C-alpha atoms as a PDB file:
ATOM      1  CA  MET A   1      47.451  80.911 187.129  1.00  0.00           C
ATOM      2  CA  GLU A   2      46.914  84.529 185.896  1.00  0.00           C
ATOM      3  CA  HIS A   3      46.816  83.280 182.304  1.00  0.00           C
ATOM      4  CA  GLU A   4      47.497  79.865 180.912  1.00  0.00           C
ATOM      5  CA  PRO A   5      50.471  79.568 178.589  1.00  0.00           C
ATOM      6  CA  SER A   6      49.717  78.931 175.009  1.00  0.00           C
ATOM      7  CA  ARG A   7      50.086  75.337 173.635  1.00  0.00           C
ATOM      8  CA  ARG A   8      52.914  76.545 171.465  1.00  0.00           C
ATOM      9  CA  VAL A   9      54.863  77.895 174.536  1.00  0.00           C
ATOM     10  CA  VAL A  10      54.213  74.680 176.474  1.00  0.00           C
ATOM     11  CA  ARG A  11      55.656  72.715 173.463  1.00  0.00           C
ATOM     12  CA  LEU A  12      58.714  74.958 173.265  1.00  0.00           C
ATOM     13  CA  ALA A  13      59.258  74.615 177.118  1.00  0.00           C
ATOM     14  CA  ARG A  14      59.114  70.785 176.648  1.00  0.00           C
ATOM     15  CA  LEU A  15      61.631  70.991 173.818  1.00  0.00           C
ATOM     16  CA  ALA A  16      63.899  73.190 175.886  1.00  0.00           C
ATOM     17  CA  ALA A  17      63.691  70.749 178.786  1.00  0.00           C
ATOM     18  CA  LEU A  18      64.603  67.921 176.492  1.00  0.00           C
ATOM     19  CA  ALA A  19      67.475  69.755 174.644  1.00  0.00           C
ATOM     20  CA  PRO A  20      70.188  68.474 177.007  1.00  0.00           C
ATOM     21  CA  LEU A  21      68.963  64.865 177.027  1.00  0.00           C
ATOM     22  CA  PRO A  22      70.759  63.505 173.867  1.00  0.00           C
ATOM     23  CA  ALA A  23      74.139  64.926 174.985  1.00  0.00           C
ATOM     24  CA  GLY A  24      73.541  63.590 178.474  1.00  0.00           C
ATOM     25  CA  LEU A  25      72.754  60.159 177.156  1.00  0.00           C
ATOM     26  CA  TRP A  26      75.928  60.285 174.971  1.00  0.00           C
ATOM     27  CA  ARG A  27      78.039  61.289 178.021  1.00  0.00           C
ATOM     28  CA  ILE A  28      76.482  58.620 180.196  1.00  0.00           C
ATOM     29  CA  ALA A  29      77.120  55.949 177.574  1.00  0.00           C
ATOM     30  CA  GLY A  30      80.779  57.059 177.422  1.00  0.00           C
ATOM     31  CA  ALA A  31      80.952  57.025 181.282  1.00  0.00           C
ATOM     32  CA  CYS A  32      79.698  53.431 181.187  1.00  0.00           C
ATOM     33  CA  GLY A  33      82.547  52.471 178.923  1.00  0.00           C
ATOM     34  CA  VAL A  34      80.837  52.631 175.468  1.00  0.00           C
ATOM     35  CA  PRO A  35      83.574  53.662 172.957  1.00  0.00           C
ATOM     36  CA  LEU A  36      82.882  57.260 171.797  1.00  0.00           C
ATOM     37  CA  GLY A  37      85.375  57.311 168.983  1.00  0.00           C
ATOM     38  CA  PHE A  38      88.140  59.195 170.709  1.00  0.00           C
ATOM     39  CA  SER A  39      91.727  57.911 170.541  1.00  0.00           C
ATOM     40  CA  GLY A  40      95.149  58.894 171.653  1.00  0.00           C
ATOM     41  CA  GLY A  41      95.604  60.810 174.870  1.00  0.00           C
ATOM     42  CA  ASP A  42      92.102  62.259 175.037  1.00  0.00           C
ATOM     43  CA  ALA A  43      90.409  61.802 178.378  1.00  0.00           C
ATOM     44  CA  LEU A  44      87.317  60.459 176.634  1.00  0.00           C
ATOM     45  CA  ALA A  45      89.376  57.765 174.794  1.00  0.00           C
ATOM     46  CA  ASP A  46      89.730  55.550 177.900  1.00  0.00           C
ATOM     47  CA  VAL A  47      86.880  56.331 180.317  1.00  0.00           C
ATOM     48  CA  ARG A  48      86.237  53.648 182.893  1.00  0.00           C
ATOM     49  CA  LEU A  49      83.039  53.307 184.860  1.00  0.00           C
ATOM     50  CA  GLY A  50      83.846  54.198 188.482  1.00  0.00           C
ATOM     51  CA  SER A  51      86.529  56.676 187.559  1.00  0.00           C
ATOM     52  CA  ARG A  52      86.415  60.240 188.662  1.00  0.00           C
ATOM     53  CA  PHE A  53      85.896  61.335 185.062  1.00  0.00           C
ATOM     54  CA  SER A  54      82.955  58.912 184.637  1.00  0.00           C
ATOM     55  CA  PHE A  55      81.299  60.418 187.708  1.00  0.00           C
ATOM     56  CA  TYR A  56      81.991  63.882 186.348  1.00  0.00           C
ATOM     57  CA  MET A  57      80.286  62.962 182.989  1.00  0.00           C
ATOM     58  CA  ILE A  58      77.261  61.499 184.699  1.00  0.00           C
ATOM     59  CA  GLY A  59      77.072  64.391 187.166  1.00  0.00           C
ATOM     60  CA  LEU A  60      77.258  66.894 184.352  1.00  0.00           C
ATOM     61  CA  SER A  61      74.498  65.024 182.513  1.00  0.00           C
ATOM     62  CA  VAL A  62      72.162  65.012 185.565  1.00  0.00           C
ATOM     63  CA  PHE A  63      72.889  68.652 186.344  1.00  0.00           C
ATOM     64  CA  ALA A  64      72.040  69.717 182.746  1.00  0.00           C
ATOM     65  CA  GLU A  65      68.788  67.704 182.944  1.00  0.00           C
ATOM     66  CA  MET A  66      67.804  69.272 186.179  1.00  0.00           C
ATOM     67  CA  LEU A  67      68.343  72.770 184.718  1.00  0.00           C
ATOM     68  CA  GLY A  68      66.358  71.735 181.656  1.00  0.00           C
ATOM     69  CA  PHE A  69      63.521  70.504 183.895  1.00  0.00           C
ATOM     70  CA  LEU A  70      63.332  73.962 185.498  1.00  0.00           C
ATOM     71  CA  THR A  71      62.180  75.345 182.207  1.00  0.00           C
ATOM     72  CA  LEU A  72      58.887  73.520 182.803  1.00  0.00           C
ATOM     73  CA  GLY A  73      58.240  75.762 185.807  1.00  0.00           C
ATOM     74  CA  LEU A  74      57.784  78.611 183.335  1.00  0.00           C
ATOM     75  CA  VAL A  75      54.684  76.965 182.046  1.00  0.00           C
ATOM     76  CA  GLN A  76      53.363  75.017 185.025  1.00  0.00           C
ATOM     77  CA  ARG A  77      51.682  76.093 188.271  1.00  0.00           C
ATOM     78  CA  TRP A  78      54.789  75.340 190.453  1.00  0.00           C
ATOM     79  CA  GLY A  79      56.432  78.156 188.548  1.00  0.00           C
ATOM     80  CA  GLU A  80      53.905  80.552 189.722  1.00  0.00           C
ATOM     81  CA  VAL A  81      53.098  79.228 193.300  1.00  0.00           C
ATOM     82  CA  ALA A  82      55.832  77.422 195.259  1.00  0.00           C
ATOM     83  CA  PRO A  83      54.814  73.851 196.117  1.00  0.00           C
ATOM     84  CA  GLY A  84      53.364  73.586 199.597  1.00  0.00           C
ATOM     85  CA  ARG A  85      55.971  71.028 200.757  1.00  0.00           C
ATOM     86  CA  LEU A  86      58.763  73.577 200.401  1.00  0.00           C
ATOM     87  CA  PRO A  87      59.809  75.125 203.808  1.00  0.00           C
ATOM     88  CA  LEU A  88      59.277  78.866 204.270  1.00  0.00           C
ATOM     89  CA  ILE A  89      58.076  79.569 200.685  1.00  0.00           C
ATOM     90  CA  GLY A  90      55.559  76.697 200.204  1.00  0.00           C
ATOM     91  CA  GLY A  91      52.147  77.947 198.847  1.00  0.00           C
ATOM     92  CA  LYS A  92      53.463  81.504 198.342  1.00  0.00           C
ATOM     93  CA  PRO A  93      53.486  83.186 194.925  1.00  0.00           C
ATOM     94  CA  VAL A  94      56.719  83.010 193.091  1.00  0.00           C
ATOM     95  CA  PRO A  95      57.840  86.630 192.343  1.00  0.00           C
ATOM     96  CA  PRO A  96      57.955  86.747 188.507  1.00  0.00           C
ATOM     97  CA  LEU A  97      61.467  88.274 188.499  1.00  0.00           C
ATOM     98  CA  ALA A  98      62.756  85.493 190.704  1.00  0.00           C
ATOM     99  CA  ALA A  99      62.169  83.192 187.678  1.00  0.00           C
ATOM    100  CA  VAL A 100      62.690  85.610 184.849  1.00  0.00           C
ATOM    101  CA  ILE A 101      66.158  86.873 185.905  1.00  0.00           C
ATOM    102  CA  PRO A 102      67.884  83.525 186.301  1.00  0.00           C
ATOM    103  CA  ALA A 103      66.057  82.040 183.224  1.00  0.00           C
ATOM    104  CA  GLY A 104      66.998  85.060 181.099  1.00  0.00           C
ATOM    105  CA  LEU A 105      70.650  84.872 182.262  1.00  0.00           C
ATOM    106  CA  GLY A 106      70.633  81.114 181.617  1.00  0.00           C
ATOM    107  CA  ALA A 107      69.153  81.671 178.162  1.00  0.00           C
ATOM    108  CA  ALA A 108      71.763  84.333 177.279  1.00  0.00           C
ATOM    109  CA  VAL A 109      74.639  82.007 178.590  1.00  0.00           C
ATOM    110  CA  LEU A 110      73.246  78.951 176.804  1.00  0.00           C
ATOM    111  CA  THR A 111      72.795  80.834 173.510  1.00  0.00           C
ATOM    112  CA  LEU A 112      76.332  82.210 173.685  1.00  0.00           C
ATOM    113  CA  LEU A 113      77.741  78.742 174.484  1.00  0.00           C
ATOM    114  CA  GLY A 114      75.606  77.195 171.694  1.00  0.00           C
ATOM    115  CA  VAL A 115      76.764  79.796 169.147  1.00  0.00           C
ATOM    116  CA  MET A 116      80.424  79.409 170.223  1.00  0.00           C
ATOM    117  CA  GLY A 117      80.198  75.625 170.206  1.00  0.00           C
ATOM    118  CA  ALA A 118      78.656  75.516 166.696  1.00  0.00           C
ATOM    119  CA  ILE A 119      81.201  77.958 165.322  1.00  0.00           C
ATOM    120  CA  GLY A 120      84.115  76.178 166.901  1.00  0.00           C
ATOM    121  CA  TRP A 121      82.902  72.592 166.580  1.00  0.00           C
ATOM    122  CA  ASN A 122      85.431  71.516 163.921  1.00  0.00           C
ATOM    123  CA  ASP A 123      88.315  73.710 165.183  1.00  0.00           C
ATOM    124  CA  PRO A 124      91.667  72.019 165.909  1.00  0.00           C
ATOM    125  CA  GLY A 125      91.013  72.247 169.655  1.00  0.00           C
ATOM    126  CA  ASN A 126      87.718  70.442 169.289  1.00  0.00           C
ATOM    127  CA  MET A 127      86.425  67.939 166.855  1.00  0.00           C
ATOM    128  CA  GLY A 128      89.197  68.822 164.412  1.00  0.00           C
ATOM    129  CA  ALA A 129      91.868  67.676 166.967  1.00  0.00           C
ATOM    130  CA  PRO A 130      93.853  64.457 166.232  1.00  0.00           C
ATOM    131  CA  GLY A 131      92.070  61.637 168.156  1.00  0.00           C
ATOM    132  CA  SER A 132      88.653  63.130 167.840  1.00  0.00           C
ATOM    133  CA  PRO A 133      85.842  60.902 166.617  1.00  0.00           C
ATOM    134  CA  THR A 134      85.535  60.450 162.838  1.00  0.00           C
ATOM    135  CA  GLY A 135      82.909  58.858 160.590  1.00  0.00           C
ATOM    136  CA  VAL A 136      79.837  57.418 162.337  1.00  0.00           C
ATOM    137  CA  ALA A 137      81.098  58.324 165.787  1.00  0.00           C
ATOM    138  CA  TYR A 138      81.578  61.965 164.757  1.00  0.00           C
ATOM    139  CA  TRP A 139      78.075  62.239 163.354  1.00  0.00           C
ATOM    140  CA  VAL A 140      76.447  60.527 166.322  1.00  0.00           C
ATOM    141  CA  MET A 141      78.193  62.917 168.725  1.00  0.00           C
ATOM    142  CA  THR A 142      77.296  65.833 166.445  1.00  0.00           C
ATOM    143  CA  ALA A 143      73.644  64.714 166.431  1.00  0.00           C
ATOM    144  CA  CYS A 144      73.582  64.311 170.179  1.00  0.00           C
ATOM    145  CA  TYR A 145      75.037  67.859 170.753  1.00  0.00           C
ATOM    146  CA  LEU A 146      73.047  69.602 168.117  1.00  0.00           C
ATOM    147  CA  PRO A 147      69.854  70.109 170.312  1.00  0.00           C
ATOM    148  CA  MET A 148      72.093  72.030 172.789  1.00  0.00           C
ATOM    149  CA  VAL A 149      72.352  74.821 170.192  1.00  0.00           C
ATOM    150  CA  ALA A 150      68.564  75.274 170.426  1.00  0.00           C
ATOM    151  CA  TRP A 151      68.416  75.194 174.239  1.00  0.00           C
ATOM    152  CA  GLY A 152      69.163  78.886 174.907  1.00  0.00           C
ATOM    153  CA  PRO A 153      66.903  80.369 172.203  1.00  0.00           C
ATOM    154  CA  LEU A 154      64.050  78.046 173.355  1.00  0.00           C
ATOM    155  CA  LEU A 155      64.560  79.032 176.917  1.00  0.00           C
ATOM    156  CA  ALA A 156      64.560  82.704 175.924  1.00  0.00           C
ATOM    157  CA  VAL A 157      61.184  82.384 174.105  1.00  0.00           C
ATOM    158  CA  VAL A 158      59.670  80.563 177.063  1.00  0.00           C
ATOM    159  CA  THR A 159      61.079  83.110 179.504  1.00  0.00           C
ATOM    160  CA  VAL A 160      59.712  86.057 177.579  1.00  0.00           C
ATOM    161  CA  ALA A 161      56.302  84.413 177.440  1.00  0.00           C
ATOM    162  CA  TYR A 162      56.385  83.757 181.241  1.00  0.00           C
ATOM    163  CA  HIS A 163      57.325  87.380 181.866  1.00  0.00           C
ATOM    164  CA  ARG A 164      54.527  88.661 179.564  1.00  0.00           C
ATOM    165  CA  ARG A 165      52.054  86.409 181.228  1.00  0.00           C
ATOM    166  CA  ARG A 166      53.078  87.172 184.832  1.00  0.00           C
ATOM    167  CA  ARG A 167      53.725  90.891 184.598  1.00  0.00           C
ATOM    168  CA  SER A 168      51.412  93.429 186.149  1.00  0.00           C
ATOM    169  CA  PRO A 169      48.942  94.585 183.546  1.00  0.00           C
ATOM    170  CA  VAL A 170      49.519  98.083 182.271  1.00  0.00           C
ATOM    171  CA  PRO A 171      46.255 100.203 182.005  1.00  0.00           C
ATOM    172  CA  GLY A 172      45.237 100.562 178.394  1.00  0.00           C
ATOM    173  CA  LEU A 173      47.429  97.825 177.003  1.00  0.00           C
ATOM    174  CA  ARG A 174      46.056  94.454 175.857  1.00  0.00           C
ATOM    175  CA  PRO A 175      47.997  91.293 176.921  1.00  0.00           C
ATOM    176  CA  VAL A 176      50.330  89.961 174.234  1.00  0.00           C
ATOM    177  CA  THR A 177      49.928  86.220 173.382  1.00  0.00           C
ATOM    178  CA  VAL A 178      52.829  84.199 172.131  1.00  0.00           C
END
């Protein structure tokens, strides 16, 4: 590695990687038939394991975790040099922008979705709709989705730190540590 990431940035990367986990576990529980507190005609009111919707919920959870896991590449060696077992690119340096551009776009989209989700959480089309969870079920779901609001900003900080660490040094400027 050109420069090791700071311990603080490594911790933030780990938090970003874990941000989708509570919501994913909540969705997987629902996909397995655990009542989530929805009622009426809501798709989440009557999920059955093995249904198309349950596979969607599990797939979405796995996909989100895989994306979260990629954050760790911004603080680990495999984010700087492609693992040798990969065909064509194995052992070659990862061009910094090949990581910074998708991570930056992901951070922007996740931040936007997090802000929109937080602002509209209790709107009539969301948790304010008839048949949405109430009481303990509402608070469990809210607690599970709350880390998702932090995912985008955490990814943004880790991406900026990666970019600063990997960019070509400019003569006369000292490296900035985060």
